[in-house]
C-alpha atoms as a PDB file:
ATOM      1  CA  MET A   1     -76.927  -9.067  -4.462  1.00  0.00           C
ATOM      2  CA  THR A   2     -73.912 -11.196  -5.283  1.00  0.00           C
ATOM      3  CA  ARG A   3     -70.881  -9.518  -6.747  1.00  0.00           C
ATOM      4  CA  LEU A   4     -68.325 -11.040  -9.097  1.00  0.00           C
ATOM      5  CA  LYS A   5     -64.591 -10.384  -8.965  1.00  0.00           C
ATOM      6  CA  VAL A   6     -63.237 -10.587 -12.504  1.00  0.00           C
ATOM      7  CA  GLN A   7     -59.506 -10.700 -13.247  1.00  0.00           C
ATOM      8  CA  GLN A   8     -57.906 -10.685 -16.684  1.00  0.00           C
ATOM      9  CA  VAL A   9     -55.376 -13.528 -16.791  1.00  0.00           C
ATOM     10  CA  ARG A  10     -54.520 -13.668 -20.513  1.00  0.00           C
ATOM     11  CA  SER A  11     -53.792 -11.069 -23.151  1.00  0.00           C
ATOM     12  CA  ALA A  12     -56.307  -9.877 -25.734  1.00  0.00           C
ATOM     13  CA  ILE A  13     -53.629  -9.559 -28.415  1.00  0.00           C
ATOM     14  CA  GLY A  14     -54.608 -11.556 -31.497  1.00  0.00           C
ATOM     15  CA  ARG A  15     -58.176 -12.140 -30.283  1.00  0.00           C
ATOM     16  CA  LYS A  16     -61.344 -11.321 -32.196  1.00  0.00           C
ATOM     17  CA  LYS A  17     -62.557  -7.736 -32.085  1.00  0.00           C
ATOM     18  CA  ASN A  18     -65.714  -8.589 -30.121  1.00  0.00           C
ATOM     19  CA  GLN A  19     -63.613 -10.278 -27.413  1.00  0.00           C
ATOM     20  CA  ARG A  20     -61.292  -7.260 -27.112  1.00  0.00           C
ATOM     21  CA  GLU A  21     -64.296  -4.937 -26.916  1.00  0.00           C
ATOM     22  CA  THR A  22     -65.959  -7.124 -24.281  1.00  0.00           C
ATOM     23  CA  LEU A  23     -62.869  -6.925 -22.057  1.00  0.00           C
ATOM     24  CA  ARG A  24     -62.793  -3.147 -22.493  1.00  0.00           C
ATOM     25  CA  THR A  25     -66.510  -2.889 -21.655  1.00  0.00           C
ATOM     26  CA  LEU A  26     -65.923  -4.875 -18.476  1.00  0.00           C
ATOM     27  CA  GLY A  27     -63.201  -2.370 -17.551  1.00  0.00           C
ATOM     28  CA  LEU A  28     -60.233  -4.684 -18.119  1.00  0.00           C
ATOM     29  CA  LYS A  29     -57.307  -3.112 -19.942  1.00  0.00           C
ATOM     30  CA  ARG A  30     -54.313  -5.323 -19.208  1.00  0.00           C
ATOM     31  CA  VAL A  31     -53.366  -8.668 -17.729  1.00  0.00           C
ATOM     32  CA  GLY A  32     -53.743  -8.564 -13.953  1.00  0.00           C
ATOM     33  CA  ASP A  33     -56.512  -5.946 -13.891  1.00  0.00           C
ATOM     34  CA  VAL A  34     -59.351  -6.717 -11.466  1.00  0.00           C
ATOM     35  CA  VAL A  35     -62.904  -5.344 -11.443  1.00  0.00           C
ATOM     36  CA  VAL A  36     -65.904  -6.125  -9.236  1.00  0.00           C
ATOM     37  CA  LYS A  37     -69.261  -6.263 -10.997  1.00  0.00           C
ATOM     38  CA  GLU A  38     -72.835  -6.995  -9.926  1.00  0.00           C
ATOM     39  CA  ASP A  39     -74.020 -10.491 -10.818  1.00  0.00           C
ATOM     40  CA  ARG A  40     -76.529  -9.686 -13.574  1.00  0.00           C
ATOM     41  CA  PRO A  41     -77.484 -11.540 -16.765  1.00  0.00           C
ATOM     42  CA  GLU A  42     -75.817  -8.896 -18.948  1.00  0.00           C
ATOM     43  CA  ILE A  43     -72.518  -9.288 -17.106  1.00  0.00           C
ATOM     44  CA  ARG A  44     -72.779 -13.092 -17.190  1.00  0.00           C
ATOM     45  CA  GLY A  45     -73.219 -12.893 -20.967  1.00  0.00           C
ATOM     46  CA  MET A  46     -70.077 -10.796 -21.309  1.00  0.00           C
ATOM     47  CA  LEU A  47     -68.134 -13.214 -19.121  1.00  0.00           C
ATOM     48  CA  ALA A  48     -69.316 -16.118 -21.283  1.00  0.00           C
ATOM     49  CA  THR A  49     -67.779 -14.400 -24.315  1.00  0.00           C
ATOM     50  CA  VAL A  50     -64.237 -14.402 -22.875  1.00  0.00           C
ATOM     51  CA  PRO A  51     -63.966 -17.267 -20.342  1.00  0.00           C
ATOM     52  CA  HIS A  52     -60.519 -18.238 -21.658  1.00  0.00           C
ATOM     53  CA  LEU A  53     -59.119 -14.768 -20.864  1.00  0.00           C
ATOM     54  CA  ILE A  54     -60.496 -14.194 -17.356  1.00  0.00           C
ATOM     55  CA  ALA A  55     -60.827 -15.694 -13.888  1.00  0.00           C
ATOM     56  CA  VAL A  56     -64.098 -15.143 -11.994  1.00  0.00           C
ATOM     57  CA  GLU A  57     -64.972 -15.625  -8.331  1.00  0.00           C
ATOM     58  CA  GLU A  58     -67.968 -14.637  -6.235  1.00  0.00           C
ATOM     59  CA  VAL A  59     -67.507 -12.001  -3.547  1.00  0.00           C
ATOM     60  CA  ASP A  60     -69.934 -11.106  -0.762  1.00  0.00           C
END
């Protein structure tokens, strides 16, 4: 299964509560943090909530 490398590139300060909680759920706490997640519909939905705060790339 494809994996996604997700990096937080912008701060969550001043963002809506659901966006801050989505970042936290993904495991991102601060700018520069990187997590690798399975490519699943639930994860894609979370990424769609905060596309302006993260960078995503596929990893094999």
